[in-house]
Amino acid sequence: MEKTIKKPVEEKPTVGKADRRINVILSVVLGVLCVAWIYPIVMIFFNSLKTERAITTSRAFELPTAGTFVGLKNYIYGIQEMDFLSSFWYSLVITVSSVVLILLCCSMCAWFITRVNGKLSKLMYGLCMFSMVVPFQMVMFTLAKTIEQPLQHLHHLPRLRCRSSGVHVHRLYEEHAG
């Protein structure tokens, strides 16, 4: 006689009415949050298809109509006239090179801090911990004010304009240069 081995029967977890109700409530709340996060992006896209006057008036939150719809003219203008592609390329180069340098320098610094026991490594570790405690905005405001002081005498240059948040470089277009 052969013995047959019974396989244990897997029981499916039962979901009660309370669990279903919680799942429905969470789904509704998360759905509302998704719409709240996506709505501004959709509005920016719709506004990019309108005339400038339709965006700056009280009709900014309306859908484009036949009178306010310009199609892709704004995108074509941005790419051709505003030199968007070269600005995008500069931003890409700066971002990628910054990330590579930050990763390289931070990795070397982390290796030094963890492997070398000394006063310098403890000081560097303390500075790293302190930078996590102090808010970033506090550091940037102070840095911007520090940079702004020596550059106040450059206000006469046409491409530089000093503000309280630092120095912003602006392009002057031919129609405004005259």
Protein backbone atom coordinates (compact mmCIF):
# COMPACT_ATOMS: atom_id res chain seq x y z
CA MET A 1 0.00 0.00 0.00
CA GLU A 2 1.18 3.40 -0.94
CA LYS A 3 0.82 6.22 1.44
CA THR A 4 -0.60 9.38 0.02
CA ILE A 5 0.65 12.60 1.41
CA LYS A 6 -1.97 15.24 1.84
CA LYS A 7 -0.95 18.69 0.87
CA PRO A 8 -1.99 21.36 3.29
CA VAL A 9 -4.84 23.44 2.01
CA GLU A 10 -3.87 27.07 1.64
CA GLU A 11 -6.38 29.33 3.22
CA LYS A 12 -7.10 32.57 1.50
CA PRO A 13 -7.00 35.56 3.80
CA THR A 14 -10.44 36.85 4.43
CA VAL A 15 -11.08 40.54 4.10
CA GLY A 16 -13.74 41.87 6.36
CA LYS A 17 -16.15 44.69 5.70
CA ALA A 18 -14.12 47.06 7.87
CA ASP A 19 -10.96 46.37 5.85
CA ARG A 20 -12.81 46.93 2.58
CA ARG A 21 -14.22 50.20 3.88
CA ILE A 22 -10.73 51.37 4.89
CA ASN A 23 -9.38 50.41 1.45
CA VAL A 24 -12.14 52.38 -0.27
CA ILE A 25 -11.54 55.43 1.93
CA LEU A 26 -7.78 55.28 1.32
CA SER A 27 -8.33 54.91 -2.43
CA VAL A 28 -10.60 57.96 -2.51
CA VAL A 29 -8.21 60.07 -0.41
CA LEU A 30 -5.18 59.06 -2.48
CA GLY A 31 -7.13 59.67 -5.70
CA VAL A 32 -7.98 63.20 -4.55
CA LEU A 33 -4.32 63.79 -3.66
CA CYS A 34 -3.25 62.55 -7.11
CA VAL A 35 -5.63 65.01 -8.78
CA ALA A 36 -4.37 67.81 -6.50
CA TRP A 37 -0.77 67.11 -7.54
CA ILE A 38 -1.50 66.66 -11.24
CA TYR A 39 -3.87 69.64 -11.63
CA PRO A 40 -1.16 72.36 -11.67
CA ILE A 41 0.80 70.48 -14.35
CA VAL A 42 -2.30 70.13 -16.52
CA MET A 43 -3.10 73.84 -16.07
CA ILE A 44 0.43 74.81 -17.09
CA PHE A 45 0.09 72.71 -20.23
CA PHE A 46 -3.31 74.24 -21.10
CA ASN A 47 -1.99 77.75 -20.45
CA SER A 48 0.97 77.08 -22.72
CA LEU A 49 -1.52 76.63 -25.56
CA LYS A 50 -3.16 80.04 -24.95
CA THR A 51 -2.29 83.60 -25.87
CA GLU A 52 -0.41 85.68 -23.33
CA ARG A 53 -3.43 87.90 -22.70
CA ALA A 54 -5.59 84.86 -21.83
CA ILE A 55 -3.06 83.72 -19.24
CA THR A 56 -2.61 87.07 -17.49
CA THR A 57 -6.30 87.88 -17.14
CA SER A 58 -8.98 86.32 -14.98
CA ARG A 59 -9.43 83.58 -17.61
CA ALA A 60 -6.19 81.81 -16.64
CA PHE A 61 -8.05 78.82 -15.17
CA GLU A 62 -10.35 78.31 -18.15
CA LEU A 63 -9.77 75.85 -20.95
CA PRO A 64 -8.49 77.31 -24.23
CA THR A 65 -11.23 78.59 -26.53
CA ALA A 66 -11.16 79.39 -30.25
CA GLY A 67 -10.19 83.00 -29.45
CA THR A 68 -7.40 82.14 -26.98
CA PHE A 69 -5.96 78.98 -28.57
CA VAL A 70 -2.63 79.46 -30.35
CA GLY A 71 -1.60 75.83 -30.74
CA LEU A 72 2.12 75.15 -30.75
CA LYS A 73 3.13 78.73 -31.64
CA ASN A 74 4.35 79.34 -28.08
CA TYR A 75 6.56 76.26 -28.21
CA ILE A 76 7.96 77.17 -31.61
CA TYR A 77 8.65 80.72 -30.40
CA GLY A 78 10.34 79.41 -27.26
CA ILE A 79 12.60 77.04 -29.18
CA GLN A 80 13.51 79.35 -32.05
CA GLU A 81 13.42 82.90 -30.69
CA MET A 82 14.33 82.37 -27.04
CA ASP A 83 17.18 79.94 -27.82
CA PHE A 84 15.71 77.27 -25.57
CA LEU A 85 17.79 74.38 -26.88
CA SER A 86 21.15 76.01 -26.11
CA SER A 87 19.89 76.99 -22.65
CA PHE A 88 18.73 73.42 -22.11
CA TRP A 89 22.15 72.13 -23.23
CA TYR A 90 23.97 74.48 -20.83
CA SER A 91 21.72 73.40 -17.97
CA LEU A 92 22.29 69.75 -18.81
CA VAL A 93 26.08 70.15 -18.91
CA ILE A 94 26.14 72.07 -15.64
CA THR A 95 23.83 69.60 -13.90
CA VAL A 96 25.64 66.45 -15.05
CA SER A 97 29.11 67.81 -14.29
CA SER A 98 27.95 69.06 -10.88
CA VAL A 99 26.47 65.69 -9.95
CA VAL A 100 29.62 63.84 -11.07
CA LEU A 101 31.89 66.20 -9.09
CA ILE A 102 29.66 66.05 -6.02
CA LEU A 103 29.60 62.25 -6.08
CA LEU A 104 33.36 62.08 -6.52
CA CYS A 105 34.21 64.63 -3.82
CA CYS A 106 31.63 63.36 -1.33
CA SER A 107 32.75 59.75 -1.80
CA MET A 108 36.37 60.67 -1.16
CA CYS A 109 35.41 62.76 1.87
CA ALA A 110 33.24 59.96 3.28
CA TRP A 111 36.08 57.47 2.86
CA PHE A 112 38.46 59.81 4.68
CA ILE A 113 36.02 60.48 7.53
CA THR A 114 35.29 56.79 8.13
CA ARG A 115 38.81 55.40 7.68
CA VAL A 116 41.02 58.00 9.31
CA ASN A 117 40.71 58.62 13.03
CA GLY A 118 41.97 62.06 13.85
CA LYS A 119 40.97 65.56 14.81
CA LEU A 120 40.49 66.66 11.20
CA SER A 121 38.14 63.78 10.37
CA LYS A 122 36.13 64.40 13.55
CA LEU A 123 35.89 68.10 12.66
CA MET A 124 34.77 67.27 9.13
CA TYR A 125 32.21 64.79 10.49
CA GLY A 126 30.89 67.46 12.86
CA LEU A 127 30.60 69.96 9.98
CA CYS A 128 28.65 67.41 7.93
CA MET A 129 26.30 66.79 10.84
CA PHE A 130 25.91 70.53 11.43
CA SER A 131 25.00 71.09 7.77
CA MET A 132 22.12 68.64 8.19
CA VAL A 133 20.81 70.53 11.22
CA VAL A 134 20.92 74.05 9.75
CA PRO A 135 18.21 74.73 7.14
CA PHE A 136 19.46 75.16 3.56
CA GLN A 137 17.56 78.43 3.10
CA MET A 138 19.42 80.00 6.02
CA VAL A 139 22.77 79.18 4.45
CA MET A 140 21.74 80.35 0.97
CA PHE A 141 20.29 83.66 2.21
CA THR A 142 23.52 84.46 4.03
CA LEU A 143 25.62 83.38 1.05
CA ALA A 144 23.54 85.47 -1.36
CA LYS A 145 23.86 88.55 0.86
CA THR A 146 27.62 87.98 1.14
CA ILE A 147 27.99 87.72 -2.64
CA GLU A 148 25.74 90.72 -3.28
CA GLN A 149 27.83 93.20 -1.28
CA PRO A 150 30.98 93.21 -3.48
CA LEU A 151 28.87 93.17 -6.66
CA GLN A 152 26.76 96.28 -5.90
CA HIS A 153 29.07 98.41 -8.04
CA LEU A 154 28.24 96.26 -11.12
CA HIS A 155 24.64 97.51 -11.39
CA HIS A 156 25.50 99.61 -14.44
CA LEU A 157 26.38 96.54 -16.53
CA PRO A 158 23.48 95.68 -18.88
CA ARG A 159 23.55 91.92 -18.31
CA LEU A 160 23.79 91.88 -14.52
CA ARG A 161 21.16 93.01 -12.08
CA CYS A 162 21.58 92.75 -8.32
CA ARG A 163 18.70 91.70 -6.12
CA SER A 164 18.36 90.67 -2.51
CA SER A 165 18.41 87.02 -3.55
CA GLY A 166 21.73 87.29 -5.36
CA VAL A 167 22.86 88.14 -8.84
CA HIS A 168 20.65 87.13 -11.73
CA VAL A 169 21.94 87.13 -15.25
CA HIS A 170 19.41 88.42 -17.77
CA ARG A 171 19.51 88.40 -21.51
CA LEU A 172 18.59 91.62 -23.23
CA TYR A 173 16.67 91.08 -26.41
CA GLU A 174 17.15 93.24 -29.46
CA GLU A 175 13.76 94.92 -29.16
CA HIS A 176 14.57 96.09 -25.60
CA ALA A 177 18.21 97.03 -26.23
CA GLY A 178 17.40 100.20 -28.17
